[in-house]
Amino acid sequence: MSHTLIKVHDNGIGISEKARQYIFEKFERASAFKRSRLGKVAGFGLGLNYVYQVMDAHDGSVTVNSVEKEFSEFTLYVPLKA
C-alpha cells in the first residue's frame, strides 16, 4: 500500500526515550511538565492523542523520533486509497 508522508520537525526540548511510550495517551502531560523550561505546561494533553486517533481511523500511523534537548520529529503515514 502506498502512503503519503507528512513530517513535522522542531528544534525544541526533545522527548526522552522513556517518555515516548506515553506521549500518545489521552491526557498525558506529566512528561511534558518535567521537560518544560518554565515548569508550566499549557493544554490538556489531548493533541497527540487526537493525531494518533485520526491516523488510526484512516488506517495510518504516526511515529516519533526525538533527541532530548535537540529536536522532535513526528512522521504521519497516510495511506493512499484507490
C-alpha atoms as a PDB file:
ATOM      1  CA  MET A   1       0.000   0.000   0.000  1.00  0.00           C
ATOM      2  CA  SER A   2       1.289   3.462  -0.876  1.00  0.00           C
ATOM      3  CA  HIS A   3       1.466   6.242   1.688  1.00  0.00           C
ATOM      4  CA  THR A   4       1.834   9.971   1.794  1.00  0.00           C
ATOM      5  CA  LEU A   5       4.304  11.072   4.458  1.00  0.00           C
ATOM      6  CA  ILE A   6       3.914  14.224   6.498  1.00  0.00           C
ATOM      7  CA  LYS A   7       6.848  15.168   8.721  1.00  0.00           C
ATOM      8  CA  VAL A   8       6.816  17.806  11.435  1.00  0.00           C
ATOM      9  CA  HIS A   9      10.207  18.713  12.923  1.00  0.00           C
ATOM     10  CA  ASP A  10      11.079  21.131  15.713  1.00  0.00           C
ATOM     11  CA  ASN A  11      14.261  22.227  17.421  1.00  0.00           C
ATOM     12  CA  GLY A  12      12.725  22.216  20.890  1.00  0.00           C
ATOM     13  CA  ILE A  13      13.483  20.399  24.116  1.00  0.00           C
ATOM     14  CA  GLY A  14      13.006  16.879  22.731  1.00  0.00           C
ATOM     15  CA  ILE A  15      11.364  13.874  24.365  1.00  0.00           C
ATOM     16  CA  SER A  16      13.174  11.253  26.417  1.00  0.00           C
ATOM     17  CA  GLU A  17      13.072   7.658  25.249  1.00  0.00           C
ATOM     18  CA  LYS A  18      11.146   6.694  28.395  1.00  0.00           C
ATOM     19  CA  ALA A  19       8.512   9.423  27.883  1.00  0.00           C
ATOM     20  CA  ARG A  20       7.938   8.488  24.218  1.00  0.00           C
ATOM     21  CA  GLN A  21       5.958   5.404  25.195  1.00  0.00           C
ATOM     22  CA  TYR A  22       3.290   7.630  26.806  1.00  0.00           C
ATOM     23  CA  ILE A  23       3.015  10.718  24.592  1.00  0.00           C
ATOM     24  CA  PHE A  24       0.079   9.448  22.525  1.00  0.00           C
ATOM     25  CA  GLU A  25      -2.021   8.605  25.602  1.00  0.00           C
ATOM     26  CA  LYS A  26      -5.057  10.746  26.384  1.00  0.00           C
ATOM     27  CA  PHE A  27      -4.380  13.490  28.952  1.00  0.00           C
ATOM     28  CA  GLU A  28      -0.633  12.774  29.009  1.00  0.00           C
ATOM     29  CA  ARG A  29       1.125  15.862  30.332  1.00  0.00           C
ATOM     30  CA  ALA A  30       3.398  14.604  33.115  1.00  0.00           C
ATOM     31  CA  SER A  31       6.433  14.071  30.915  1.00  0.00           C
ATOM     32  CA  ALA A  32       5.883  17.466  29.261  1.00  0.00           C
ATOM     33  CA  PHE A  33       5.754  19.145  32.678  1.00  0.00           C
ATOM     34  CA  LYS A  34       9.087  17.621  33.653  1.00  0.00           C
ATOM     35  CA  ARG A  35      10.662  18.852  30.399  1.00  0.00           C
ATOM     36  CA  SER A  36       9.174  22.343  30.464  1.00  0.00           C
ATOM     37  CA  ARG A  37      11.660  25.197  30.649  1.00  0.00           C
ATOM     38  CA  LEU A  38       9.320  27.254  32.819  1.00  0.00           C
ATOM     39  CA  GLY A  39       7.804  24.438  34.877  1.00  0.00           C
ATOM     40  CA  LYS A  40       4.435  25.033  33.178  1.00  0.00           C
ATOM     41  CA  VAL A  41       2.569  23.128  30.520  1.00  0.00           C
ATOM     42  CA  ALA A  42      -0.311  24.527  28.500  1.00  0.00           C
ATOM     43  CA  GLY A  43      -3.137  22.422  27.128  1.00  0.00           C
ATOM     44  CA  PHE A  44      -4.986  19.341  28.239  1.00  0.00           C
ATOM     45  CA  GLY A  45      -2.760  16.574  26.906  1.00  0.00           C
ATOM     46  CA  LEU A  46      -5.094  15.744  24.027  1.00  0.00           C
ATOM     47  CA  GLY A  47      -3.277  16.943  20.895  1.00  0.00           C
ATOM     48  CA  LEU A  48      -1.047  13.959  20.178  1.00  0.00           C
ATOM     49  CA  ASN A  49      -3.818  11.574  21.202  1.00  0.00           C
ATOM     50  CA  TYR A  50      -6.096  13.217  18.603  1.00  0.00           C
ATOM     51  CA  VAL A  51      -3.392  12.865  15.957  1.00  0.00           C
ATOM     52  CA  TYR A  52      -2.966   9.188  16.875  1.00  0.00           C
ATOM     53  CA  GLN A  53      -6.739   8.525  16.797  1.00  0.00           C
ATOM     54  CA  VAL A  54      -7.211  10.230  13.399  1.00  0.00           C
ATOM     55  CA  MET A  55      -4.323   8.315  11.876  1.00  0.00           C
ATOM     56  CA  ASP A  56      -5.652   5.051  13.321  1.00  0.00           C
ATOM     57  CA  ALA A  57      -9.166   5.775  11.977  1.00  0.00           C
ATOM     58  CA  HIS A  58      -7.682   6.169   8.489  1.00  0.00           C
ATOM     59  CA  ASP A  59      -5.519   3.023   8.760  1.00  0.00           C
ATOM     60  CA  GLY A  60      -2.414   5.183   9.015  1.00  0.00           C
ATOM     61  CA  SER A  61       0.146   5.624  11.730  1.00  0.00           C
ATOM     62  CA  VAL A  62       2.318   8.201  13.442  1.00  0.00           C
ATOM     63  CA  THR A  63       5.862   7.770  14.737  1.00  0.00           C
ATOM     64  CA  VAL A  64       8.217   9.980  16.710  1.00  0.00           C
ATOM     65  CA  ASN A  65      11.965  10.398  16.557  1.00  0.00           C
ATOM     66  CA  SER A  66      13.439  12.649  19.207  1.00  0.00           C
ATOM     67  CA  VAL A  67      16.678  13.519  20.955  1.00  0.00           C
ATOM     68  CA  GLU A  68      16.391  15.232  24.330  1.00  0.00           C
ATOM     69  CA  LYS A  69      17.487  18.886  24.296  1.00  0.00           C
ATOM     70  CA  GLU A  70      17.770  18.822  20.494  1.00  0.00           C
ATOM     71  CA  PHE A  71      14.638  18.053  18.443  1.00  0.00           C
ATOM     72  CA  SER A  72      11.455  16.070  17.905  1.00  0.00           C
ATOM     73  CA  GLU A  73      10.180  14.809  14.567  1.00  0.00           C
ATOM     74  CA  PHE A  74       6.762  13.293  14.020  1.00  0.00           C
ATOM     75  CA  THR A  75       6.050  11.310  10.861  1.00  0.00           C
ATOM     76  CA  LEU A  76       2.479  10.657   9.758  1.00  0.00           C
ATOM     77  CA  TYR A  77       1.916   7.790   7.322  1.00  0.00           C
ATOM     78  CA  VAL A  78      -1.343   8.495   5.477  1.00  0.00           C
ATOM     79  CA  PRO A  79      -2.463   5.594   3.254  1.00  0.00           C
ATOM     80  CA  LEU A  80      -3.464   6.417  -0.301  1.00  0.00           C
ATOM     81  CA  LYS A  81      -6.902   4.987  -1.018  1.00  0.00           C
ATOM     82  CA  ALA A  82      -7.806   3.991  -4.555  1.00  0.00           C
END
